[in-house]
């Protein structure tokens, strides 16, 4: 049966729309979140770590409602995803005393995963205040790391699920559309990297990237329940050269076209052009990423 709608790789047929209508009718007092959890359970729609794909499912239900295929109950809150609009604030008392030293003189640097810890608000506040892109709460699989020297934060790194379509990366891997859809979860995207502005330590940025490449795979598998074989990131071509990534042996695999999801008429770039850089975590990454489950 032909799909009535496709959302984030999930196609919905007429029979499934009928099922959804019956499910909504059977739970007239249920919230949208409760309905999405029921759908995830019925369809076996889970993340690799076993958690339901609740947020993605809610997005699918909303897309179906907007297309007129189903009718959802009114939202219980003013925003379906309130955390996306929330702007983190930097906690008071952050020590901004300049740090100017060599990497050796800086002393031991500790890297901690801070998602769902007491340091997560500090992470969000630092990114919001000092990263040129600001803070956006990731949806889906993601991790947040902070580096500390002498008990003081010196850097923040955010990692999340990789974009589904990325031409330079896809050509670098050489996978087919089918294997890309099946294996995109094995690629981690460095969405934010911040060395705090009062920290002036040569080679610190590339040093942290090297350490991240060694510790991220085990942490990702612990939290998400599956490995990652390739790291990727974007570098704003007009702002930066990506020197720290190049020094850490990341490979420039191409540039984006500057056309994102808003480019519906193909009239040209609608966002900044960025260099795409990748870092393989295993030697046979192409074989692993091109293998059908």
C-alpha atoms as a PDB file:
ATOM      1  CA  UNK A   1       0.000   0.000   0.000  1.00  0.00           C
ATOM      2  CA  UNK A   2       1.307   3.464  -0.887  1.00  0.00           C
ATOM      3  CA  UNK A   3       2.475   5.687   1.924  1.00  0.00           C
ATOM      4  CA  UNK A   4       0.265   8.650   2.794  1.00  0.00           C
ATOM      5  CA  UNK A   5       3.111  10.464   4.537  1.00  0.00           C
ATOM      6  CA  UNK A   6       6.789   9.934   5.332  1.00  0.00           C
ATOM      7  CA  UNK A   7       8.370  11.508   8.405  1.00  0.00           C
ATOM      8  CA  UNK A   8      12.047  11.092   9.405  1.00  0.00           C
ATOM      9  CA  UNK A   9      12.293   7.875   7.424  1.00  0.00           C
ATOM     10  CA  UNK A  10       9.022   6.368   8.724  1.00  0.00           C
ATOM     11  CA  UNK A  11       6.329   5.859   6.071  1.00  0.00           C
ATOM     12  CA  UNK A  12       2.693   5.680   7.186  1.00  0.00           C
ATOM     13  CA  UNK A  13       0.110   3.758   5.170  1.00  0.00           C
ATOM     14  CA  UNK A  14      -3.649   4.073   5.041  1.00  0.00           C
ATOM     15  CA  UNK A  15      -4.084   1.033   7.267  1.00  0.00           C
ATOM     16  CA  UNK A  16      -1.799   2.572   9.877  1.00  0.00           C
ATOM     17  CA  UNK A  17      -3.736   5.840   9.754  1.00  0.00           C
ATOM     18  CA  UNK A  18      -6.914   3.836  10.406  1.00  0.00           C
ATOM     19  CA  UNK A  19      -5.177   2.203  13.375  1.00  0.00           C
ATOM     20  CA  UNK A  20      -4.190   5.618  14.715  1.00  0.00           C
ATOM     21  CA  UNK A  21      -7.728   6.931  14.409  1.00  0.00           C
ATOM     22  CA  UNK A  22      -9.010   3.902  16.352  1.00  0.00           C
ATOM     23  CA  UNK A  23      -6.312   4.355  18.990  1.00  0.00           C
ATOM     24  CA  UNK A  24      -7.181   8.030  19.478  1.00  0.00           C
ATOM     25  CA  UNK A  25     -10.905   7.199  19.694  1.00  0.00           C
ATOM     26  CA  UNK A  26     -10.192   4.484  22.298  1.00  0.00           C
ATOM     27  CA  UNK A  27      -8.283   6.975  24.508  1.00  0.00           C
ATOM     28  CA  UNK A  28     -10.388  10.162  24.385  1.00  0.00           C
ATOM     29  CA  UNK A  29      -8.798  11.658  27.514  1.00  0.00           C
ATOM     30  CA  UNK A  30      -5.199  10.769  26.700  1.00  0.00           C
ATOM     31  CA  UNK A  31      -2.576  13.466  26.196  1.00  0.00           C
ATOM     32  CA  UNK A  32      -0.535  13.626  23.026  1.00  0.00           C
ATOM     33  CA  UNK A  33       2.439  12.203  24.860  1.00  0.00           C
ATOM     34  CA  UNK A  34       0.388   9.280  26.162  1.00  0.00           C
ATOM     35  CA  UNK A  35      -0.841   8.586  22.633  1.00  0.00           C
ATOM     36  CA  UNK A  36       2.692   8.684  21.247  1.00  0.00           C
ATOM     37  CA  UNK A  37       3.840   6.174  23.862  1.00  0.00           C
ATOM     38  CA  UNK A  38       0.925   3.894  22.938  1.00  0.00           C
ATOM     39  CA  UNK A  39       1.904   4.151  19.258  1.00  0.00           C
ATOM     40  CA  UNK A  40       5.559   3.402  20.027  1.00  0.00           C
ATOM     41  CA  UNK A  41       4.510   0.336  21.991  1.00  0.00           C
ATOM     42  CA  UNK A  42       2.130  -0.901  19.282  1.00  0.00           C
ATOM     43  CA  UNK A  43       4.627  -0.369  16.467  1.00  0.00           C
ATOM     44  CA  UNK A  44       7.706  -1.477  18.404  1.00  0.00           C
ATOM     45  CA  UNK A  45       9.199   1.928  17.634  1.00  0.00           C
ATOM     46  CA  UNK A  46      12.173   2.174  19.987  1.00  0.00           C
ATOM     47  CA  UNK A  47      15.675   3.545  20.108  1.00  0.00           C
ATOM     48  CA  UNK A  48      18.603   1.091  20.084  1.00  0.00           C
ATOM     49  CA  UNK A  49      18.795   1.424  23.885  1.00  0.00           C
ATOM     50  CA  UNK A  50      15.167   0.280  24.187  1.00  0.00           C
ATOM     51  CA  UNK A  51      13.619   3.672  25.021  1.00  0.00           C
ATOM     52  CA  UNK A  52      10.506   4.620  22.996  1.00  0.00           C
ATOM     53  CA  UNK A  53      11.012   7.126  20.171  1.00  0.00           C
ATOM     54  CA  UNK A  54       8.508   9.366  21.881  1.00  0.00           C
ATOM     55  CA  UNK A  55       9.572  12.785  20.581  1.00  0.00           C
ATOM     56  CA  UNK A  56       9.899  11.598  16.983  1.00  0.00           C
ATOM     57  CA  UNK A  57       6.533   9.842  17.238  1.00  0.00           C
ATOM     58  CA  UNK A  58       4.888  13.012  18.500  1.00  0.00           C
ATOM     59  CA  UNK A  59       6.342  14.852  15.530  1.00  0.00           C
ATOM     60  CA  UNK A  60       4.896  12.222  13.190  1.00  0.00           C
ATOM     61  CA  UNK A  61       1.460  12.458  14.792  1.00  0.00           C
ATOM     62  CA  UNK A  62       1.539  16.234  14.496  1.00  0.00           C
ATOM     63  CA  UNK A  63       2.537  15.991  10.812  1.00  0.00           C
ATOM     64  CA  UNK A  64      -0.366  13.597  10.179  1.00  0.00           C
ATOM     65  CA  UNK A  65      -2.754  15.951  11.957  1.00  0.00           C
ATOM     66  CA  UNK A  66      -1.571  18.941   9.947  1.00  0.00           C
ATOM     67  CA  UNK A  67      -2.045  16.935   6.755  1.00  0.00           C
ATOM     68  CA  UNK A  68      -5.631  16.179   7.787  1.00  0.00           C
ATOM     69  CA  UNK A  69      -5.202  12.421   8.233  1.00  0.00           C
ATOM     70  CA  UNK A  70      -5.939  12.299  11.981  1.00  0.00           C
ATOM     71  CA  UNK A  71      -7.323  14.607  14.655  1.00  0.00           C
ATOM     72  CA  UNK A  72      -5.263  14.975  17.822  1.00  0.00           C
ATOM     73  CA  UNK A  73      -6.546  16.131  21.205  1.00  0.00           C
ATOM     74  CA  UNK A  74      -5.711  19.735  22.130  1.00  0.00           C
ATOM     75  CA  UNK A  75      -2.189  20.179  23.564  1.00  0.00           C
ATOM     76  CA  UNK A  76      -1.983  20.204  27.342  1.00  0.00           C
ATOM     77  CA  UNK A  77       0.699  22.919  27.269  1.00  0.00           C
ATOM     78  CA  UNK A  78       1.332  25.954  25.092  1.00  0.00           C
ATOM     79  CA  UNK A  79       4.330  24.351  23.372  1.00  0.00           C
ATOM     80  CA  UNK A  80       4.576  20.719  22.277  1.00  0.00           C
ATOM     81  CA  UNK A  81       8.324  20.746  22.952  1.00  0.00           C
ATOM     82  CA  UNK A  82       8.880  23.467  25.578  1.00  0.00           C
ATOM     83  CA  UNK A  83      12.520  22.552  26.152  1.00  0.00           C
ATOM     84  CA  UNK A  84      13.420  23.703  22.638  1.00  0.00           C
ATOM     85  CA  UNK A  85      12.457  27.300  23.511  1.00  0.00           C
ATOM     86  CA  UNK A  86      14.058  27.284  26.901  1.00  0.00           C
ATOM     87  CA  UNK A  87      17.179  29.467  26.986  1.00  0.00           C
ATOM     88  CA  UNK A  88      19.673  28.274  29.613  1.00  0.00           C
ATOM     89  CA  UNK A  89      21.253  30.855  31.864  1.00  0.00           C
ATOM     90  CA  UNK A  90      24.786  30.715  33.157  1.00  0.00           C
ATOM     91  CA  UNK A  91      24.906  29.941  36.912  1.00  0.00           C
ATOM     92  CA  UNK A  92      26.370  32.682  39.056  1.00  0.00           C
ATOM     93  CA  UNK A  93      29.921  32.526  40.317  1.00  0.00           C
ATOM     94  CA  UNK A  94      31.728  31.224  37.227  1.00  0.00           C
ATOM     95  CA  UNK A  95      35.423  32.015  37.593  1.00  0.00           C
ATOM     96  CA  UNK A  96      36.453  34.020  34.511  1.00  0.00           C
ATOM     97  CA  UNK A  97      40.042  34.635  35.572  1.00  0.00           C
ATOM     98  CA  UNK A  98      42.201  34.335  32.422  1.00  0.00           C
ATOM     99  CA  UNK A  99      44.076  31.085  31.949  1.00  0.00           C
ATOM    100  CA  UNK A 100      47.183  31.567  29.809  1.00  0.00           C
ATOM    101  CA  UNK A 101      49.605  28.666  29.888  1.00  0.00           C
ATOM    102  CA  UNK A 102      51.128  25.888  27.858  1.00  0.00           C
ATOM    103  CA  UNK A 103      49.299  22.591  27.678  1.00  0.00           C
ATOM    104  CA  UNK A 104      51.919  21.003  29.936  1.00  0.00           C
ATOM    105  CA  UNK A 105      51.688  23.812  32.469  1.00  0.00           C
ATOM    106  CA  UNK A 106      47.891  23.610  32.533  1.00  0.00           C
ATOM    107  CA  UNK A 107      48.123  20.353  34.444  1.00  0.00           C
ATOM    108  CA  UNK A 108      45.757  17.362  34.326  1.00  0.00           C
ATOM    109  CA  UNK A 109      42.594  17.930  32.285  1.00  0.00           C
ATOM    110  CA  UNK A 110      39.535  15.914  33.273  1.00  0.00           C
ATOM    111  CA  UNK A 111      36.761  15.268  30.729  1.00  0.00           C
ATOM    112  CA  UNK A 112      33.348  14.401  32.173  1.00  0.00           C
ATOM    113  CA  UNK A 113      30.054  13.444  30.548  1.00  0.00           C
ATOM    114  CA  UNK A 114      27.596  15.902  32.126  1.00  0.00           C
ATOM    115  CA  UNK A 115      24.225  15.059  30.578  1.00  0.00           C
ATOM    116  CA  UNK A 116      21.719  14.422  33.379  1.00  0.00           C
ATOM    117  CA  UNK A 117      24.220  15.574  36.019  1.00  0.00           C
ATOM    118  CA  UNK A 118      24.436  18.647  38.229  1.00  0.00           C
ATOM    119  CA  UNK A 119      26.880  20.202  35.730  1.00  0.00           C
ATOM    120  CA  UNK A 120      24.396  20.158  32.827  1.00  0.00           C
ATOM    121  CA  UNK A 121      22.994  23.671  33.590  1.00  0.00           C
ATOM    122  CA  UNK A 122      26.553  25.024  33.596  1.00  0.00           C
ATOM    123  CA  UNK A 123      27.174  23.379  30.220  1.00  0.00           C
ATOM    124  CA  UNK A 124      24.045  24.903  28.710  1.00  0.00           C
ATOM    125  CA  UNK A 125      24.729  28.334  30.137  1.00  0.00           C
ATOM    126  CA  UNK A 126      28.312  28.431  28.846  1.00  0.00           C
ATOM    127  CA  UNK A 127      27.259  27.335  25.351  1.00  0.00           C
ATOM    128  CA  UNK A 128      24.409  29.850  25.262  1.00  0.00           C
ATOM    129  CA  UNK A 129      26.592  32.750  26.370  1.00  0.00           C
ATOM    130  CA  UNK A 130      29.826  32.063  24.513  1.00  0.00           C
ATOM    131  CA  UNK A 131      29.166  29.912  21.414  1.00  0.00           C
ATOM    132  CA  UNK A 132      28.223  31.890  18.316  1.00  0.00           C
ATOM    133  CA  UNK A 133      25.374  29.467  17.546  1.00  0.00           C
ATOM    134  CA  UNK A 134      23.977  29.558  21.071  1.00  0.00           C
ATOM    135  CA  UNK A 135      22.372  26.576  22.790  1.00  0.00           C
ATOM    136  CA  UNK A 136      19.773  24.241  21.277  1.00  0.00           C
ATOM    137  CA  UNK A 137      18.545  21.241  23.244  1.00  0.00           C
ATOM    138  CA  UNK A 138      19.338  18.113  21.199  1.00  0.00           C
ATOM    139  CA  UNK A 139      16.562  15.678  20.312  1.00  0.00           C
ATOM    140  CA  UNK A 140      17.407  12.000  20.092  1.00  0.00           C
ATOM    141  CA  UNK A 141      20.705  10.397  21.044  1.00  0.00           C
ATOM    142  CA  UNK A 142      23.206  12.886  22.432  1.00  0.00           C
ATOM    143  CA  UNK A 143      25.955  13.409  24.981  1.00  0.00           C
ATOM    144  CA  UNK A 144      27.448  16.491  26.631  1.00  0.00           C
ATOM    145  CA  UNK A 145      31.037  16.702  27.820  1.00  0.00           C
ATOM    146  CA  UNK A 146      32.945  19.296  29.810  1.00  0.00           C
ATOM    147  CA  UNK A 147      36.695  19.546  30.309  1.00  0.00           C
ATOM    148  CA  UNK A 148      38.014  20.785  33.649  1.00  0.00           C
ATOM    149  CA  UNK A 149      41.496  21.924  34.668  1.00  0.00           C
ATOM    150  CA  UNK A 150      42.178  22.639  38.314  1.00  0.00           C
ATOM    151  CA  UNK A 151      38.461  22.242  38.986  1.00  0.00           C
ATOM    152  CA  UNK A 152      37.571  25.016  36.507  1.00  0.00           C
ATOM    153  CA  UNK A 153      35.714  24.416  33.224  1.00  0.00           C
ATOM    154  CA  UNK A 154      37.844  25.074  30.140  1.00  0.00           C
ATOM    155  CA  UNK A 155      35.824  23.539  27.290  1.00  0.00           C
ATOM    156  CA  UNK A 156      32.418  22.117  26.298  1.00  0.00           C
ATOM    157  CA  UNK A 157      31.683  19.538  23.591  1.00  0.00           C
ATOM    158  CA  UNK A 158      28.224  18.396  22.471  1.00  0.00           C
ATOM    159  CA  UNK A 159      27.598  15.266  20.386  1.00  0.00           C
ATOM    160  CA  UNK A 160      24.313  14.186  18.840  1.00  0.00           C
ATOM    161  CA  UNK A 161      22.720  12.039  16.168  1.00  0.00           C
ATOM    162  CA  UNK A 162      24.092  12.732  12.694  1.00  0.00           C
ATOM    163  CA  UNK A 163      22.077  14.503   9.969  1.00  0.00           C
ATOM    164  CA  UNK A 164      20.289  11.976   7.781  1.00  0.00           C
ATOM    165  CA  UNK A 165      21.354  13.482   4.459  1.00  0.00           C
ATOM    166  CA  UNK A 166      24.830  14.913   3.973  1.00  0.00           C
ATOM    167  CA  UNK A 167      26.291  14.614   0.491  1.00  0.00           C
ATOM    168  CA  UNK A 168      30.047  14.959   1.219  1.00  0.00           C
ATOM    169  CA  UNK A 169      29.883  12.493   4.107  1.00  0.00           C
ATOM    170  CA  UNK A 170      27.752  10.019   2.188  1.00  0.00           C
ATOM    171  CA  UNK A 171      30.175  10.069  -0.759  1.00  0.00           C
ATOM    172  CA  UNK A 172      33.126   9.696   1.647  1.00  0.00           C
ATOM    173  CA  UNK A 173      31.552   6.561   3.122  1.00  0.00           C
ATOM    174  CA  UNK A 174      30.220   5.238  -0.175  1.00  0.00           C
ATOM    175  CA  UNK A 175      27.083   3.705   1.290  1.00  0.00           C
ATOM    176  CA  UNK A 176      23.758   3.267  -0.476  1.00  0.00           C
ATOM    177  CA  UNK A 177      20.557   5.074   0.554  1.00  0.00           C
ATOM    178  CA  UNK A 178      19.329   1.821   2.110  1.00  0.00           C
ATOM    179  CA  UNK A 179      22.434   1.257   4.231  1.00  0.00           C
ATOM    180  CA  UNK A 180      22.512   4.946   5.167  1.00  0.00           C
ATOM    181  CA  UNK A 181      18.978   4.730   6.556  1.00  0.00           C
ATOM    182  CA  UNK A 182      19.858   1.532   8.415  1.00  0.00           C
ATOM    183  CA  UNK A 183      23.229   2.653   9.800  1.00  0.00           C
ATOM    184  CA  UNK A 184      23.072   6.423  10.281  1.00  0.00           C
ATOM    185  CA  UNK A 185      22.886   5.812  14.042  1.00  0.00           C
ATOM    186  CA  UNK A 186      26.518   4.642  13.936  1.00  0.00           C
ATOM    187  CA  UNK A 187      27.702   8.193  13.110  1.00  0.00           C
ATOM    188  CA  UNK A 188      28.040  10.842  15.852  1.00  0.00           C
ATOM    189  CA  UNK A 189      27.902  14.560  15.094  1.00  0.00           C
ATOM    190  CA  UNK A 190      29.948  17.129  17.014  1.00  0.00           C
ATOM    191  CA  UNK A 191      27.266  19.837  17.139  1.00  0.00           C
ATOM    192  CA  UNK A 192      29.037  22.267  19.508  1.00  0.00           C
ATOM    193  CA  UNK A 193      32.673  22.799  20.496  1.00  0.00           C
ATOM    194  CA  UNK A 194      33.638  25.655  22.773  1.00  0.00           C
ATOM    195  CA  UNK A 195      36.965  26.583  24.290  1.00  0.00           C
ATOM    196  CA  UNK A 196      36.015  29.213  26.864  1.00  0.00           C
ATOM    197  CA  UNK A 197      37.097  32.707  25.803  1.00  0.00           C
ATOM    198  CA  UNK A 198      39.279  33.330  28.866  1.00  0.00           C
ATOM    199  CA  UNK A 199      41.274  30.118  28.202  1.00  0.00           C
ATOM    200  CA  UNK A 200      44.390  30.680  26.070  1.00  0.00           C
ATOM    201  CA  UNK A 201      46.196  27.350  25.943  1.00  0.00           C
ATOM    202  CA  UNK A 202      47.876  26.421  22.644  1.00  0.00           C
ATOM    203  CA  UNK A 203      46.998  22.943  21.309  1.00  0.00           C
ATOM    204  CA  UNK A 204      44.297  22.388  23.954  1.00  0.00           C
ATOM    205  CA  UNK A 205      41.516  22.156  21.352  1.00  0.00           C
ATOM    206  CA  UNK A 206      43.174  19.441  19.267  1.00  0.00           C
ATOM    207  CA  UNK A 207      44.294  17.636  22.434  1.00  0.00           C
ATOM    208  CA  UNK A 208      40.694  17.414  23.650  1.00  0.00           C
ATOM    209  CA  UNK A 209      39.474  16.178  20.256  1.00  0.00           C
ATOM    210  CA  UNK A 210      42.025  13.373  20.367  1.00  0.00           C
ATOM    211  CA  UNK A 211      40.920  12.336  23.825  1.00  0.00           C
ATOM    212  CA  UNK A 212      37.257  12.572  22.825  1.00  0.00           C
ATOM    213  CA  UNK A 213      37.841  10.151  19.948  1.00  0.00           C
ATOM    214  CA  UNK A 214      39.148   7.615  22.447  1.00  0.00           C
ATOM    215  CA  UNK A 215      36.475   7.969  25.126  1.00  0.00           C
ATOM    216  CA  UNK A 216      33.322   8.775  23.134  1.00  0.00           C
ATOM    217  CA  UNK A 217      32.686   5.282  21.638  1.00  0.00           C
ATOM    218  CA  UNK A 218      32.411   3.504  24.990  1.00  0.00           C
ATOM    219  CA  UNK A 219      30.321   6.296  26.534  1.00  0.00           C
ATOM    220  CA  UNK A 220      27.996   6.392  23.530  1.00  0.00           C
ATOM    221  CA  UNK A 221      27.481   2.637  23.664  1.00  0.00           C
ATOM    222  CA  UNK A 222      26.864   2.771  27.413  1.00  0.00           C
ATOM    223  CA  UNK A 223      24.156   5.420  27.057  1.00  0.00           C
ATOM    224  CA  UNK A 224      22.619   4.600  23.647  1.00  0.00           C
ATOM    225  CA  UNK A 225      23.170   0.853  23.473  1.00  0.00           C
ATOM    226  CA  UNK A 226      25.114   0.723  20.203  1.00  0.00           C
ATOM    227  CA  UNK A 227      28.578   1.671  18.898  1.00  0.00           C
ATOM    228  CA  UNK A 228      29.657   4.554  16.667  1.00  0.00           C
ATOM    229  CA  UNK A 229      32.209   4.149  13.894  1.00  0.00           C
ATOM    230  CA  UNK A 230      32.579   7.652  12.491  1.00  0.00           C
ATOM    231  CA  UNK A 231      32.600  11.211  13.875  1.00  0.00           C
ATOM    232  CA  UNK A 232      31.610  14.249  11.830  1.00  0.00           C
ATOM    233  CA  UNK A 233      31.239  17.995  12.207  1.00  0.00           C
ATOM    234  CA  UNK A 234      30.636  21.211  10.264  1.00  0.00           C
ATOM    235  CA  UNK A 235      32.948  24.228  10.228  1.00  0.00           C
ATOM    236  CA  UNK A 236      31.611  27.602   9.092  1.00  0.00           C
ATOM    237  CA  UNK A 237      33.852  28.183   6.058  1.00  0.00           C
ATOM    238  CA  UNK A 238      33.772  31.980   6.275  1.00  0.00           C
ATOM    239  CA  UNK A 239      34.486  32.103  10.004  1.00  0.00           C
ATOM    240  CA  UNK A 240      36.974  29.322  10.725  1.00  0.00           C
ATOM    241  CA  UNK A 241      39.498  27.013   9.086  1.00  0.00           C
ATOM    242  CA  UNK A 242      38.886  24.127  11.461  1.00  0.00           C
ATOM    243  CA  UNK A 243      42.559  24.154  12.469  1.00  0.00           C
ATOM    244  CA  UNK A 244      42.071  22.155  15.654  1.00  0.00           C
ATOM    245  CA  UNK A 245      40.176  19.416  13.777  1.00  0.00           C
ATOM    246  CA  UNK A 246      42.853  19.223  11.092  1.00  0.00           C
ATOM    247  CA  UNK A 247      45.544  19.046  13.784  1.00  0.00           C
ATOM    248  CA  UNK A 248      43.635  16.164  15.387  1.00  0.00           C
ATOM    249  CA  UNK A 249      43.705  14.284  12.031  1.00  0.00           C
ATOM    250  CA  UNK A 250      40.118  14.926  10.995  1.00  0.00           C
ATOM    251  CA  UNK A 251      39.625  14.826   7.213  1.00  0.00           C
ATOM    252  CA  UNK A 252      37.878  17.516   5.179  1.00  0.00           C
ATOM    253  CA  UNK A 253      35.524  15.531   2.925  1.00  0.00           C
ATOM    254  CA  UNK A 254      33.737  18.390   1.164  1.00  0.00           C
ATOM    255  CA  UNK A 255      31.463  21.380   1.604  1.00  0.00           C
ATOM    256  CA  UNK A 256      27.767  21.767   2.101  1.00  0.00           C
ATOM    257  CA  UNK A 257      25.728  23.423  -0.628  1.00  0.00           C
ATOM    258  CA  UNK A 258      24.256  25.979   1.748  1.00  0.00           C
ATOM    259  CA  UNK A 259      20.776  24.648   1.049  1.00  0.00           C
ATOM    260  CA  UNK A 260      18.893  23.255   4.014  1.00  0.00           C
ATOM    261  CA  UNK A 261      15.373  22.027   4.665  1.00  0.00           C
ATOM    262  CA  UNK A 262      13.958  25.453   3.805  1.00  0.00           C
ATOM    263  CA  UNK A 263      15.268  25.227   0.229  1.00  0.00           C
ATOM    264  CA  UNK A 264      12.074  24.087  -1.463  1.00  0.00           C
ATOM    265  CA  UNK A 265      12.507  25.949  -4.755  1.00  0.00           C
ATOM    266  CA  UNK A 266      16.264  25.279  -5.292  1.00  0.00           C
ATOM    267  CA  UNK A 267      17.026  28.946  -5.873  1.00  0.00           C
ATOM    268  CA  UNK A 268      20.364  28.919  -4.116  1.00  0.00           C
ATOM    269  CA  UNK A 269      21.949  28.882  -0.641  1.00  0.00           C
ATOM    270  CA  UNK A 270      19.730  29.802   2.298  1.00  0.00           C
ATOM    271  CA  UNK A 271      22.298  29.198   5.025  1.00  0.00           C
ATOM    272  CA  UNK A 272      26.095  29.468   5.453  1.00  0.00           C
ATOM    273  CA  UNK A 273      28.329  27.131   3.465  1.00  0.00           C
ATOM    274  CA  UNK A 274      30.272  24.826   5.793  1.00  0.00           C
ATOM    275  CA  UNK A 275      33.212  22.448   5.489  1.00  0.00           C
ATOM    276  CA  UNK A 276      32.383  18.850   6.405  1.00  0.00           C
ATOM    277  CA  UNK A 277      35.040  17.009   8.418  1.00  0.00           C
ATOM    278  CA  UNK A 278      35.062  13.351   9.429  1.00  0.00           C
ATOM    279  CA  UNK A 279      37.111  11.176  11.760  1.00  0.00           C
ATOM    280  CA  UNK A 280      36.935   7.349  11.458  1.00  0.00           C
ATOM    281  CA  UNK A 281      36.995   5.524  14.772  1.00  0.00           C
ATOM    282  CA  UNK A 282      37.774   2.121  13.232  1.00  0.00           C
ATOM    283  CA  UNK A 283      39.808   1.212  10.163  1.00  0.00           C
ATOM    284  CA  UNK A 284      36.996  -0.721   8.464  1.00  0.00           C
ATOM    285  CA  UNK A 285      34.385   1.994   9.050  1.00  0.00           C
ATOM    286  CA  UNK A 286      33.235   1.936   5.415  1.00  0.00           C
ATOM    287  CA  UNK A 287      32.580  -1.797   5.538  1.00  0.00           C
ATOM    288  CA  UNK A 288      30.707  -1.558   8.833  1.00  0.00           C
ATOM    289  CA  UNK A 289      28.618   1.417   7.759  1.00  0.00           C
ATOM    290  CA  UNK A 290      27.785  -0.173   4.389  1.00  0.00           C
ATOM    291  CA  UNK A 291      26.682  -3.492   5.882  1.00  0.00           C
ATOM    292  CA  UNK A 292      22.955  -4.167   6.031  1.00  0.00           C
ATOM    293  CA  UNK A 293      21.735  -5.341   9.450  1.00  0.00           C
END
